[in-house]
C-alpha atoms as a PDB file:
ATOM      1  CA  MET A   1      70.028 -15.708  66.109  1.00  0.00           C
ATOM      2  CA  SER A   2      70.821 -13.654  62.966  1.00  0.00           C
ATOM      3  CA  PHE A   3      73.698 -11.208  63.130  1.00  0.00           C
ATOM      4  CA  PHE A   4      71.938  -8.796  60.737  1.00  0.00           C
ATOM      5  CA  THR A   5      69.145  -7.679  63.025  1.00  0.00           C
ATOM      6  CA  ALA A   6      66.986  -4.660  62.136  1.00  0.00           C
ATOM      7  CA  GLU A   7      68.628  -2.535  64.820  1.00  0.00           C
ATOM      8  CA  ARG A   8      72.136  -3.408  63.618  1.00  0.00           C
ATOM      9  CA  LEU A   9      71.254  -2.696  59.998  1.00  0.00           C
ATOM     10  CA  GLN A  10      69.791   0.653  61.008  1.00  0.00           C
ATOM     11  CA  THR A  11      72.903   1.436  63.030  1.00  0.00           C
ATOM     12  CA  GLY A  12      75.142   0.497  60.111  1.00  0.00           C
ATOM     13  CA  MET A  13      73.090   2.671  57.774  1.00  0.00           C
ATOM     14  CA  TRP A  14      73.465   5.751  59.952  1.00  0.00           C
ATOM     15  CA  VAL A  15      77.191   5.077  60.443  1.00  0.00           C
ATOM     16  CA  GLY A  16      77.495   4.920  56.660  1.00  0.00           C
ATOM     17  CA  VAL A  17      75.592   8.216  56.316  1.00  0.00           C
ATOM     18  CA  GLY A  18      77.910   9.802  58.853  1.00  0.00           C
ATOM     19  CA  LEU A  19      81.022   8.595  57.038  1.00  0.00           C
ATOM     20  CA  ALA A  20      79.615   9.831  53.713  1.00  0.00           C
ATOM     21  CA  LEU A  21      78.999  13.263  55.256  1.00  0.00           C
ATOM     22  CA  LEU A  22      82.552  13.363  56.579  1.00  0.00           C
ATOM     23  CA  ALA A  23      83.859  12.453  53.092  1.00  0.00           C
ATOM     24  CA  LEU A  24      81.687  15.135  51.535  1.00  0.00           C
ATOM     25  CA  MET A  25      82.982  17.701  54.006  1.00  0.00           C
ATOM     26  CA  TYR A  26      86.570  16.747  53.078  1.00  0.00           C
ATOM     27  CA  LEU A  27      85.799  17.201  49.350  1.00  0.00           C
ATOM     28  CA  LEU A  28      84.033  20.507  49.940  1.00  0.00           C
ATOM     29  CA  ALA A  29      86.615  21.843  52.404  1.00  0.00           C
ATOM     30  CA  PRO A  30      87.481  24.951  50.281  1.00  0.00           C
ATOM     31  CA  VAL A  31      83.751  25.807  50.005  1.00  0.00           C
ATOM     32  CA  LEU A  32      83.129  25.167  53.716  1.00  0.00           C
ATOM     33  CA  THR A  33      86.035  27.330  54.871  1.00  0.00           C
ATOM     34  CA  PRO A  34      84.056  30.638  55.016  1.00  0.00           C
ATOM     35  CA  PHE A  35      81.229  28.807  56.805  1.00  0.00           C
ATOM     36  CA  ALA A  36      83.668  27.329  59.316  1.00  0.00           C
ATOM     37  CA  LEU A  37      85.245  30.751  59.880  1.00  0.00           C
ATOM     38  CA  ALA A  38      81.841  32.319  60.375  1.00  0.00           C
ATOM     39  CA  ALA A  39      80.906  29.565  62.850  1.00  0.00           C
ATOM     40  CA  ILE A  40      84.073  30.188  64.896  1.00  0.00           C
ATOM     41  CA  LEU A  41      83.429  33.911  64.962  1.00  0.00           C
ATOM     42  CA  ALA A  42      79.809  33.332  65.931  1.00  0.00           C
ATOM     43  CA  TYR A  43      80.944  31.169  68.837  1.00  0.00           C
ATOM     44  CA  LEU A  44      83.318  33.917  70.010  1.00  0.00           C
ATOM     45  CA  LEU A  45      80.838  36.787  69.509  1.00  0.00           C
ATOM     46  CA  SER A  46      77.672  35.096  70.778  1.00  0.00           C
ATOM     47  CA  PRO A  47      78.311  36.009  74.497  1.00  0.00           C
ATOM     48  CA  GLY A  48      78.626  39.683  73.476  1.00  0.00           C
ATOM     49  CA  VAL A  49      75.380  39.471  71.439  1.00  0.00           C
ATOM     50  CA  ASP A  50      73.602  37.837  74.386  1.00  0.00           C
ATOM     51  CA  TRP A  51      74.905  40.525  76.716  1.00  0.00           C
ATOM     52  CA  LEU A  52      73.587  43.353  74.469  1.00  0.00           C
ATOM     53  CA  ALA A  53      70.253  41.505  73.890  1.00  0.00           C
ATOM     54  CA  ALA A  54      69.799  41.137  77.685  1.00  0.00           C
ATOM     55  CA  ARG A  55      69.851  44.918  77.886  1.00  0.00           C
ATOM     56  CA  ARG A  56      66.729  45.241  75.690  1.00  0.00           C
ATOM     57  CA  LEU A  57      68.606  45.819  72.455  1.00  0.00           C
ATOM     58  CA  PRO A  58      66.939  43.944  69.563  1.00  0.00           C
ATOM     59  CA  ARG A  59      68.964  40.848  68.705  1.00  0.00           C
ATOM     60  CA  TRP A  60      69.461  41.910  65.096  1.00  0.00           C
ATOM     61  CA  ALA A  61      70.886  45.275  66.282  1.00  0.00           C
ATOM     62  CA  ALA A  62      73.131  43.470  68.828  1.00  0.00           C
ATOM     63  CA  VAL A  63      74.409  41.244  66.036  1.00  0.00           C
ATOM     64  CA  LEU A  64      75.172  44.160  63.764  1.00  0.00           C
ATOM     65  CA  ALA A  65      76.895  45.988  66.642  1.00  0.00           C
ATOM     66  CA  MET A  66      79.233  43.047  67.333  1.00  0.00           C
ATOM     67  CA  ILE A  67      80.033  42.553  63.623  1.00  0.00           C
ATOM     68  CA  PHE A  68      80.707  46.302  63.313  1.00  0.00           C
ATOM     69  CA  LEU A  69      83.010  46.180  66.345  1.00  0.00           C
ATOM     70  CA  LEU A  70      84.895  43.223  64.833  1.00  0.00           C
ATOM     71  CA  GLY A  71      85.258  45.045  61.532  1.00  0.00           C
ATOM     72  CA  LEU A  72      86.633  48.133  63.303  1.00  0.00           C
ATOM     73  CA  ILE A  73      89.254  45.997  65.088  1.00  0.00           C
ATOM     74  CA  LEU A  74      90.360  44.329  61.874  1.00  0.00           C
ATOM     75  CA  LEU A  75      90.412  47.644  59.968  1.00  0.00           C
ATOM     76  CA  GLY A  76      92.516  49.225  62.735  1.00  0.00           C
ATOM     77  CA  LEU A  77      95.055  46.377  62.511  1.00  0.00           C
ATOM     78  CA  LEU A  78      95.280  46.806  58.752  1.00  0.00           C
ATOM     79  CA  LEU A  79      95.775  50.564  59.018  1.00  0.00           C
ATOM     80  CA  ILE A  80      98.586  49.962  61.475  1.00  0.00           C
ATOM     81  CA  LEU A  81     100.374  47.166  59.658  1.00  0.00           C
ATOM     82  CA  ILE A  82     100.108  48.016  55.927  1.00  0.00           C
ATOM     83  CA  PRO A  83     102.083  51.347  56.025  1.00  0.00           C
ATOM     84  CA  VAL A  84     104.790  49.730  58.115  1.00  0.00           C
ATOM     85  CA  LEU A  85     105.127  46.826  55.653  1.00  0.00           C
ATOM     86  CA  GLN A  86     105.447  49.261  52.792  1.00  0.00           C
ATOM     87  CA  LYS A  87     108.150  51.158  54.698  1.00  0.00           C
ATOM     88  CA  GLU A  88     109.973  47.908  55.491  1.00  0.00           C
ATOM     89  CA  LEU A  89     110.037  46.999  51.769  1.00  0.00           C
ATOM     90  CA  VAL A  90     111.575  50.333  50.825  1.00  0.00           C
ATOM     91  CA  GLN A  91     114.153  50.100  53.661  1.00  0.00           C
ATOM     92  CA  LEU A  92     114.972  46.489  52.668  1.00  0.00           C
ATOM     93  CA  GLN A  93     115.597  47.575  49.075  1.00  0.00           C
ATOM     94  CA  ALA A  94     117.813  50.466  50.196  1.00  0.00           C
ATOM     95  CA  GLN A  95     119.853  48.802  52.892  1.00  0.00           C
ATOM     96  CA  LEU A  96     120.178  45.156  51.951  1.00  0.00           C
ATOM     97  CA  PRO A  97     122.899  45.662  49.263  1.00  0.00           C
ATOM     98  CA  GLY A  98     125.000  47.462  51.903  1.00  0.00           C
ATOM     99  CA  LEU A  99     124.451  44.619  54.324  1.00  0.00           C
ATOM    100  CA  ILE A 100     125.537  42.171  51.624  1.00  0.00           C
ATOM    101  CA  ASN A 101     128.793  44.118  51.321  1.00  0.00           C
ATOM    102  CA  LYS A 102     129.288  43.713  55.076  1.00  0.00           C
ATOM    103  CA  LEU A 103     128.774  39.973  54.706  1.00  0.00           C
ATOM    104  CA  ASN A 104     131.443  39.921  51.968  1.00  0.00           C
ATOM    105  CA  GLN A 105     133.833  41.655  54.322  1.00  0.00           C
ATOM    106  CA  ALA A 106     133.073  39.772  57.575  1.00  0.00           C
ATOM    107  CA  VAL A 107     131.398  36.426  56.826  1.00  0.00           C
ATOM    108  CA  ALA A 108     132.889  35.331  53.475  1.00  0.00           C
ATOM    109  CA  PRO A 109     136.527  35.343  54.717  1.00  0.00           C
ATOM    110  CA  LYS A 110     135.521  33.264  57.799  1.00  0.00           C
ATOM    111  CA  LEU A 111     133.720  30.705  55.612  1.00  0.00           C
ATOM    112  CA  GLN A 112     136.796  30.367  53.453  1.00  0.00           C
ATOM    113  CA  GLU A 113     139.104  30.122  56.489  1.00  0.00           C
ATOM    114  CA  TRP A 114     137.018  27.616  58.440  1.00  0.00           C
ATOM    115  CA  PHE A 115     135.354  25.494  55.781  1.00  0.00           C
ATOM    116  CA  GLY A 116     137.366  26.190  52.643  1.00  0.00           C
ATOM    117  CA  LEU A 117     134.281  27.698  50.917  1.00  0.00           C
ATOM    118  CA  THR A 118     134.782  30.520  48.494  1.00  0.00           C
ATOM    119  CA  ILE A 119     131.525  32.485  48.480  1.00  0.00           C
ATOM    120  CA  ARG A 120     131.059  35.965  47.055  1.00  0.00           C
ATOM    121  CA  PHE A 121     127.794  37.750  47.754  1.00  0.00           C
ATOM    122  CA  ASP A 122     126.985  39.936  44.745  1.00  0.00           C
ATOM    123  CA  ALA A 123     125.413  43.113  46.064  1.00  0.00           C
ATOM    124  CA  GLN A 124     124.893  44.591  42.576  1.00  0.00           C
ATOM    125  CA  THR A 125     123.041  41.572  41.301  1.00  0.00           C
ATOM    126  CA  LEU A 126     120.864  41.509  44.430  1.00  0.00           C
ATOM    127  CA  LYS A 127     120.136  45.217  44.057  1.00  0.00           C
ATOM    128  CA  GLU A 128     119.015  44.687  40.464  1.00  0.00           C
ATOM    129  CA  LEU A 129     116.932  41.729  41.498  1.00  0.00           C
ATOM    130  CA  LEU A 130     115.219  43.741  44.241  1.00  0.00           C
ATOM    131  CA  ALA A 131     114.662  46.640  41.880  1.00  0.00           C
ATOM    132  CA  GLU A 132     113.123  44.250  39.380  1.00  0.00           C
ATOM    133  CA  ARG A 133     110.959  42.328  41.888  1.00  0.00           C
ATOM    134  CA  VAL A 134     110.066  45.075  44.301  1.00  0.00           C
ATOM    135  CA  GLY A 135     110.797  48.400  42.655  1.00  0.00           C
ATOM    136  CA  SER A 136     109.055  51.516  43.883  1.00  0.00           C
ATOM    137  CA  GLN A 137     105.772  51.425  45.739  1.00  0.00           C
ATOM    138  CA  GLN A 138     103.963  52.402  42.507  1.00  0.00           C
ATOM    139  CA  ASP A 139     105.630  49.502  40.648  1.00  0.00           C
ATOM    140  CA  LEU A 140     104.698  47.156  43.524  1.00  0.00           C
ATOM    141  CA  ILE A 141     101.074  48.200  43.356  1.00  0.00           C
ATOM    142  CA  ALA A 142     101.071  47.787  39.569  1.00  0.00           C
ATOM    143  CA  ARG A 143     102.537  44.303  39.887  1.00  0.00           C
ATOM    144  CA  ILE A 144      99.935  43.340  42.463  1.00  0.00           C
ATOM    145  CA  PHE A 145      97.160  44.372  40.086  1.00  0.00           C
ATOM    146  CA  ALA A 146      98.863  42.549  37.245  1.00  0.00           C
ATOM    147  CA  HIS A 147      98.951  39.343  39.280  1.00  0.00           C
ATOM    148  CA  ALA A 148      95.338  40.004  40.310  1.00  0.00           C
ATOM    149  CA  ARG A 149      94.322  40.187  36.649  1.00  0.00           C
ATOM    150  CA  GLU A 150      96.168  36.941  35.883  1.00  0.00           C
ATOM    151  CA  GLY A 151      94.563  35.209  38.853  1.00  0.00           C
ATOM    152  CA  GLY A 152      91.077  36.690  38.387  1.00  0.00           C
ATOM    153  CA  ILE A 153      89.290  33.547  39.492  1.00  0.00           C
ATOM    154  CA  ALA A 154      91.259  33.335  42.729  1.00  0.00           C
ATOM    155  CA  LEU A 155      90.679  37.033  43.361  1.00  0.00           C
ATOM    156  CA  LEU A 156      86.936  36.673  42.809  1.00  0.00           C
ATOM    157  CA  GLY A 157      86.934  33.690  45.135  1.00  0.00           C
ATOM    158  CA  LEU A 158      88.714  35.771  47.804  1.00  0.00           C
ATOM    159  CA  ILE A 159      86.286  38.634  47.395  1.00  0.00           C
ATOM    160  CA  GLY A 160      83.349  36.256  47.477  1.00  0.00           C
ATOM    161  CA  THR A 161      84.643  34.799  50.733  1.00  0.00           C
ATOM    162  CA  LEU A 162      85.104  38.221  52.288  1.00  0.00           C
ATOM    163  CA  PHE A 163      81.520  39.137  51.457  1.00  0.00           C
ATOM    164  CA  LEU A 164      80.119  35.692  52.397  1.00  0.00           C
ATOM    165  CA  VAL A 165      81.614  35.478  55.867  1.00  0.00           C
ATOM    166  CA  PRO A 166      79.801  38.606  57.271  1.00  0.00           C
ATOM    167  CA  ILE A 167      76.472  37.391  55.787  1.00  0.00           C
ATOM    168  CA  VAL A 168      76.835  33.912  57.217  1.00  0.00           C
ATOM    169  CA  LEU A 169      78.036  35.369  60.520  1.00  0.00           C
ATOM    170  CA  PHE A 170      74.978  37.639  60.751  1.00  0.00           C
ATOM    171  CA  TYR A 171      72.491  34.798  60.343  1.00  0.00           C
ATOM    172  CA  ALA A 172      74.511  32.442  62.538  1.00  0.00           C
ATOM    173  CA  LEU A 173      74.520  34.969  65.400  1.00  0.00           C
ATOM    174  CA  LEU A 174      70.868  35.865  64.830  1.00  0.00           C
ATOM    175  CA  ASP A 175      69.719  32.247  65.113  1.00  0.00           C
ATOM    176  CA  TRP A 176      72.529  30.877  67.261  1.00  0.00           C
ATOM    177  CA  HIS A 177      70.388  29.492  70.101  1.00  0.00           C
ATOM    178  CA  ASP A 178      67.836  28.091  67.598  1.00  0.00           C
ATOM    179  CA  PHE A 179      70.612  26.240  65.761  1.00  0.00           C
ATOM    180  CA  ARG A 180      71.799  24.734  69.005  1.00  0.00           C
ATOM    181  CA  ARG A 181      68.324  23.556  70.002  1.00  0.00           C
ATOM    182  CA  ARG A 182      67.771  21.979  66.597  1.00  0.00           C
ATOM    183  CA  ALA A 183      71.108  20.196  66.692  1.00  0.00           C
ATOM    184  CA  GLU A 184      70.358  18.917  70.189  1.00  0.00           C
ATOM    185  CA  ALA A 185      66.968  17.629  69.114  1.00  0.00           C
ATOM    186  CA  LEU A 186      68.655  15.399  66.462  1.00  0.00           C
ATOM    187  CA  ILE A 187      70.709  13.501  69.083  1.00  0.00           C
ATOM    188  CA  PRO A 188      69.360   9.928  69.623  1.00  0.00           C
ATOM    189  CA  ARG A 189      67.458   9.715  72.901  1.00  0.00           C
ATOM    190  CA  ARG A 190      69.544   6.864  74.237  1.00  0.00           C
ATOM    191  CA  TRP A 191      72.741   8.959  73.890  1.00  0.00           C
ATOM    192  CA  HIS A 192      71.161  12.308  74.634  1.00  0.00           C
ATOM    193  CA  GLY A 193      72.316  12.711  78.221  1.00  0.00           C
ATOM    194  CA  GLN A 194      75.905  11.570  77.609  1.00  0.00           C
ATOM    195  CA  THR A 195      76.193  13.620  74.441  1.00  0.00           C
ATOM    196  CA  VAL A 196      74.863  16.820  76.011  1.00  0.00           C
ATOM    197  CA  SER A 197      77.216  16.318  78.934  1.00  0.00           C
ATOM    198  CA  MET A 198      80.214  15.800  76.604  1.00  0.00           C
ATOM    199  CA  LEU A 199      79.250  18.872  74.525  1.00  0.00           C
ATOM    200  CA  GLY A 200      79.001  20.928  77.714  1.00  0.00           C
ATOM    201  CA  GLU A 201      82.462  19.845  78.708  1.00  0.00           C
ATOM    202  CA  ILE A 202      83.770  20.685  75.233  1.00  0.00           C
ATOM    203  CA  ASP A 203      82.044  24.090  75.389  1.00  0.00           C
ATOM    204  CA  GLY A 204      83.620  24.841  78.761  1.00  0.00           C
ATOM    205  CA  LEU A 205      87.029  23.766  77.484  1.00  0.00           C
ATOM    206  CA  LEU A 206      86.790  25.824  74.289  1.00  0.00           C
ATOM    207  CA  ALA A 207      85.506  28.858  76.194  1.00  0.00           C
ATOM    208  CA  GLN A 208      88.424  28.613  78.574  1.00  0.00           C
ATOM    209  CA  PHE A 209      90.931  28.102  75.749  1.00  0.00           C
ATOM    210  CA  LEU A 210      89.699  30.699  73.284  1.00  0.00           C
ATOM    211  CA  ARG A 211      88.947  33.486  75.731  1.00  0.00           C
ATOM    212  CA  GLY A 212      92.033  32.749  77.795  1.00  0.00           C
ATOM    213  CA  GLN A 213      94.155  32.646  74.628  1.00  0.00           C
ATOM    214  CA  LEU A 214      92.694  36.027  73.551  1.00  0.00           C
ATOM    215  CA  THR A 215      93.742  37.517  76.892  1.00  0.00           C
ATOM    216  CA  VAL A 216      97.246  36.061  76.451  1.00  0.00           C
ATOM    217  CA  MET A 217      97.487  37.557  72.960  1.00  0.00           C
ATOM    218  CA  LEU A 218      96.452  41.048  74.172  1.00  0.00           C
ATOM    219  CA  VAL A 219      98.849  40.980  77.125  1.00  0.00           C
ATOM    220  CA  LEU A 220     101.771  39.772  74.929  1.00  0.00           C
ATOM    221  CA  ALA A 221     100.951  42.348  72.216  1.00  0.00           C
ATOM    222  CA  ALA A 222     101.173  45.112  74.842  1.00  0.00           C
ATOM    223  CA  TYR A 223     104.385  43.627  76.307  1.00  0.00           C
ATOM    224  CA  TYR A 224     106.215  43.262  72.938  1.00  0.00           C
ATOM    225  CA  SER A 225     105.109  46.728  71.795  1.00  0.00           C
ATOM    226  CA  VAL A 226     106.280  48.458  74.978  1.00  0.00           C
ATOM    227  CA  ALA A 227     109.533  46.455  75.227  1.00  0.00           C
ATOM    228  CA  LEU A 228     110.489  47.077  71.606  1.00  0.00           C
ATOM    229  CA  ALA A 229     109.656  50.779  72.000  1.00  0.00           C
ATOM    230  CA  ILE A 230     111.900  50.999  75.080  1.00  0.00           C
ATOM    231  CA  ALA A 231     114.701  49.311  73.071  1.00  0.00           C
ATOM    232  CA  GLY A 232     114.389  52.024  70.442  1.00  0.00           C
ATOM    233  CA  PHE A 233     112.651  50.167  67.594  1.00  0.00           C
ATOM    234  CA  GLN A 234     110.851  52.474  65.197  1.00  0.00           C
ATOM    235  CA  THR A 235     108.364  49.738  64.239  1.00  0.00           C
ATOM    236  CA  ALA A 236     107.724  48.676  67.820  1.00  0.00           C
ATOM    237  CA  LEU A 237     103.904  49.039  67.706  1.00  0.00           C
ATOM    238  CA  PRO A 238     103.095  47.040  64.563  1.00  0.00           C
ATOM    239  CA  VAL A 239     105.742  44.338  65.188  1.00  0.00           C
ATOM    240  CA  GLY A 240     104.635  44.008  68.799  1.00  0.00           C
ATOM    241  CA  ILE A 241     100.936  43.774  67.920  1.00  0.00           C
ATOM    242  CA  LEU A 242     101.564  41.294  65.167  1.00  0.00           C
ATOM    243  CA  THR A 243     103.769  39.133  67.386  1.00  0.00           C
ATOM    244  CA  GLY A 244     101.078  39.063  70.104  1.00  0.00           C
ATOM    245  CA  LEU A 245      98.380  38.076  67.592  1.00  0.00           C
ATOM    246  CA  LEU A 246     100.501  35.368  65.964  1.00  0.00           C
ATOM    247  CA  ILE A 247     101.033  33.688  69.369  1.00  0.00           C
ATOM    248  CA  PHE A 248      97.668  32.016  68.689  1.00  0.00           C
ATOM    249  CA  ILE A 249      99.485  29.745  66.229  1.00  0.00           C
ATOM    250  CA  PRO A 250     101.735  27.519  68.368  1.00  0.00           C
ATOM    251  CA  TYR A 251     105.472  27.582  67.527  1.00  0.00           C
ATOM    252  CA  VAL A 252     104.824  29.039  64.055  1.00  0.00           C
ATOM    253  CA  GLY A 253     103.417  32.286  65.432  1.00  0.00           C
ATOM    254  CA  PHE A 254     106.319  32.958  67.781  1.00  0.00           C
ATOM    255  CA  ALA A 255     108.851  32.075  65.060  1.00  0.00           C
ATOM    256  CA  LEU A 256     107.222  34.497  62.570  1.00  0.00           C
ATOM    257  CA  GLY A 257     107.119  37.291  65.126  1.00  0.00           C
ATOM    258  CA  LEU A 258     110.788  36.669  65.975  1.00  0.00           C
ATOM    259  CA  VAL A 259     111.748  36.818  62.287  1.00  0.00           C
ATOM    260  CA  LEU A 260     109.917  40.119  61.856  1.00  0.00           C
ATOM    261  CA  ALA A 261     111.672  41.544  64.887  1.00  0.00           C
ATOM    262  CA  LEU A 262     115.088  40.378  63.656  1.00  0.00           C
ATOM    263  CA  LEU A 263     114.384  41.880  60.230  1.00  0.00           C
ATOM    264  CA  ALA A 264     113.415  45.202  61.907  1.00  0.00           C
ATOM    265  CA  ALA A 265     116.650  45.101  63.952  1.00  0.00           C
ATOM    266  CA  LEU A 266     118.697  44.399  60.878  1.00  0.00           C
ATOM    267  CA  LEU A 267     117.194  47.253  58.877  1.00  0.00           C
ATOM    268  CA  GLN A 268     117.239  49.845  61.658  1.00  0.00           C
ATOM    269  CA  PHE A 269     120.417  49.109  63.654  1.00  0.00           C
ATOM    270  CA  GLY A 270     122.573  46.819  61.510  1.00  0.00           C
ATOM    271  CA  SER A 271     124.638  45.992  64.584  1.00  0.00           C
ATOM    272  CA  LEU A 272     124.815  43.445  67.383  1.00  0.00           C
ATOM    273  CA  TYR A 273     122.699  45.648  69.662  1.00  0.00           C
ATOM    274  CA  GLY A 274     119.507  45.053  67.682  1.00  0.00           C
ATOM    275  CA  PHE A 275     119.922  41.295  67.744  1.00  0.00           C
ATOM    276  CA  LEU A 276     120.715  41.209  71.472  1.00  0.00           C
ATOM    277  CA  ALA A 277     117.696  43.401  72.208  1.00  0.00           C
ATOM    278  CA  VAL A 278     115.442  41.072  70.237  1.00  0.00           C
ATOM    279  CA  ALA A 279     116.936  37.998  71.921  1.00  0.00           C
ATOM    280  CA  VAL A 280     116.337  39.403  75.418  1.00  0.00           C
ATOM    281  CA  ILE A 281     112.841  40.762  74.694  1.00  0.00           C
ATOM    282  CA  TYR A 282     111.580  37.610  72.984  1.00  0.00           C
ATOM    283  CA  GLY A 283     113.259  35.278  75.488  1.00  0.00           C
ATOM    284  CA  VAL A 284     111.587  37.072  78.403  1.00  0.00           C
ATOM    285  CA  GLY A 285     108.271  37.132  76.487  1.00  0.00           C
ATOM    286  CA  GLN A 286     108.419  33.390  75.862  1.00  0.00           C
ATOM    287  CA  ALA A 287     109.178  32.748  79.532  1.00  0.00           C
ATOM    288  CA  ILE A 288     106.273  34.940  80.634  1.00  0.00           C
ATOM    289  CA  GLU A 289     103.894  33.186  78.241  1.00  0.00           C
ATOM    290  CA  SER A 290     105.029  29.629  79.059  1.00  0.00           C
ATOM    291  CA  PHE A 291     105.363  29.869  82.858  1.00  0.00           C
ATOM    292  CA  PHE A 292     102.780  32.507  83.868  1.00  0.00           C
ATOM    293  CA  LEU A 293     100.227  33.624  81.304  1.00  0.00           C
ATOM    294  CA  THR A 294      99.263  30.329  79.621  1.00  0.00           C
ATOM    295  CA  PRO A 295      99.051  28.235  82.821  1.00  0.00           C
ATOM    296  CA  ARG A 296      97.030  30.902  84.629  1.00  0.00           C
ATOM    297  CA  LEU A 297      94.793  32.190  81.854  1.00  0.00           C
ATOM    298  CA  VAL A 298      94.439  29.159  79.584  1.00  0.00           C
ATOM    299  CA  GLY A 299      95.142  26.368  82.061  1.00  0.00           C
ATOM    300  CA  GLU A 300      96.442  22.837  81.647  1.00  0.00           C
ATOM    301  CA  ARG A 301      93.154  21.234  80.773  1.00  0.00           C
ATOM    302  CA  ILE A 302      93.906  20.725  77.110  1.00  0.00           C
ATOM    303  CA  GLY A 303      96.858  18.491  77.838  1.00  0.00           C
ATOM    304  CA  LEU A 304      98.061  18.024  74.220  1.00  0.00           C
ATOM    305  CA  HIS A 305     101.572  16.589  73.771  1.00  0.00           C
ATOM    306  CA  PRO A 306     103.920  18.737  71.638  1.00  0.00           C
ATOM    307  CA  ILE A 307     103.984  15.939  68.976  1.00  0.00           C
ATOM    308  CA  ALA A 308     100.183  15.980  68.921  1.00  0.00           C
ATOM    309  CA  VAL A 309     100.211  19.755  68.542  1.00  0.00           C
ATOM    310  CA  ILE A 310     102.578  19.615  65.543  1.00  0.00           C
ATOM    311  CA  PHE A 311     100.515  16.785  63.946  1.00  0.00           C
ATOM    312  CA  ALA A 312      97.281  18.714  64.477  1.00  0.00           C
ATOM    313  CA  LEU A 313      98.763  21.848  62.837  1.00  0.00           C
ATOM    314  CA  LEU A 314      99.961  19.863  59.822  1.00  0.00           C
ATOM    315  CA  ALA A 315      96.759  17.816  59.459  1.00  0.00           C
ATOM    316  CA  PHE A 316      94.265  20.653  59.796  1.00  0.00           C
ATOM    317  CA  GLY A 317      96.448  22.905  57.644  1.00  0.00           C
ATOM    318  CA  GLN A 318      96.465  20.257  54.911  1.00  0.00           C
ATOM    319  CA  VAL A 319      92.640  19.920  54.907  1.00  0.00           C
ATOM    320  CA  PHE A 320      91.447  23.479  55.587  1.00  0.00           C
ATOM    321  CA  GLY A 321      94.488  25.608  54.650  1.00  0.00           C
ATOM    322  CA  PHE A 322      95.378  28.640  56.766  1.00  0.00           C
ATOM    323  CA  PHE A 323      92.142  28.594  58.725  1.00  0.00           C
ATOM    324  CA  GLY A 324      92.846  24.947  59.466  1.00  0.00           C
ATOM    325  CA  VAL A 325      95.996  26.017  61.288  1.00  0.00           C
ATOM    326  CA  LEU A 326      93.916  28.385  63.379  1.00  0.00           C
ATOM    327  CA  LEU A 327      91.375  25.645  64.008  1.00  0.00           C
ATOM    328  CA  ALA A 328      93.951  22.974  64.923  1.00  0.00           C
ATOM    329  CA  LEU A 329      94.245  23.441  68.662  1.00  0.00           C
ATOM    330  CA  PRO A 330      90.582  24.188  69.549  1.00  0.00           C
ATOM    331  CA  ALA A 331      89.363  21.296  67.364  1.00  0.00           C
ATOM    332  CA  SER A 332      92.037  18.959  68.831  1.00  0.00           C
ATOM    333  CA  ALA A 333      90.960  19.982  72.321  1.00  0.00           C
ATOM    334  CA  ALA A 334      87.345  19.051  71.469  1.00  0.00           C
ATOM    335  CA  LEU A 335      88.462  15.746  70.005  1.00  0.00           C
ATOM    336  CA  LEU A 336      90.492  15.084  73.134  1.00  0.00           C
ATOM    337  CA  VAL A 337      87.334  15.343  75.249  1.00  0.00           C
ATOM    338  CA  ALA A 338      85.580  12.822  73.013  1.00  0.00           C
ATOM    339  CA  LEU A 339      88.633  10.490  73.139  1.00  0.00           C
ATOM    340  CA  ARG A 340      88.639  10.673  76.939  1.00  0.00           C
ATOM    341  CA  ARG A 341      84.994   9.715  77.068  1.00  0.00           C
ATOM    342  CA  LEU A 342      85.648   6.862  74.596  1.00  0.00           C
ATOM    343  CA  LYS A 343      88.580   5.675  76.756  1.00  0.00           C
ATOM    344  CA  ASP A 344      86.475   5.714  79.895  1.00  0.00           C
ATOM    345  CA  ALA A 345      83.765   3.717  78.116  1.00  0.00           C
ATOM    346  CA  TYR A 346      86.332   1.214  76.895  1.00  0.00           C
ATOM    347  CA  LEU A 347      87.867   0.731  80.344  1.00  0.00           C
ATOM    348  CA  ALA A 348      84.415   0.242  81.832  1.00  0.00           C
ATOM    349  CA  SER A 349      83.309  -2.237  79.126  1.00  0.00           C
ATOM    350  CA  GLU A 350      82.988  -5.987  79.615  1.00  0.00           C
ATOM    351  CA  PHE A 351      85.313  -6.507  76.687  1.00  0.00           C
ATOM    352  CA  TYR A 352      88.190  -4.841  78.594  1.00  0.00           C
ATOM    353  CA  ARG A 353      87.430  -6.180  82.083  1.00  0.00           C
ATOM    354  CA  ARG A 354      86.766  -9.808  81.110  1.00  0.00           C
ATOM    355  CA  ALA A 355      89.812 -11.984  81.913  1.00  0.00           C
END
């Protein structure tokens, strides 16, 4: 009996086509990024569109309403964060040289006493460097436009992406159920039942993860904002909101939020109180997230080992950039479902069970 039967040749051909498509997706990753982002947003917004459409609102109007609501949320975040970031830059320029002088008085002698290191922090040089690099807000804006002119191609690409995502998102939401039916119709009949079952499990897992994670982000944003405000932080609202939103990125998000809070404490208080307040607030917040919010709202169904989480963040970030970092955990959770099915099939196979 020949090994190269017609069925095996056909299977090999389709496997080759699949591998070629994966390679093409890897090569076109920068181009596919806005489409991937639009697909993620469509998955998140489709329940809202269905809810509005079920109440006799035309689907196109429901799609526009959800996109408009998403735009309002993003615009609100920008209006909150941008003025605070400008204020932080000005405060950093004004206060950091004085803080450097404090380091010269308190830290430099200790370094020389303990380690024999003679280090002198030059506040004047740092002040000139900040004045040159940051300058006034007008100088900062002028520098941004200068860099934008130098990197015109990158700027056009960014603008193109910003315009492309809403357009793709509109059509994806408009024909969401049609796309799903067409994709399901392409599944080979022999694998149709198993594939649909696996996709249903993945859909349930992603729904639990994404919507649960969104709830965790909102609760933590409220907690950090209120806690920082009680501690007396002037930038409590933007820092708290940003910290809550960054929680979506494991490890990295919490670390960035903590750095922002420490910087705010340094600029506002310049004393041990600010650092102690940040340590207590963020320590309690991390405990609430790890032991209460995430287990109850997200659940333990994903089951990714911390090493797997770090690898997923690095791998997806390498391929898809920043959006790859956001995609890492949901995509890894979906892959985990497929790997579980593959493991079950392997353990049930004759190849494994034969002695």
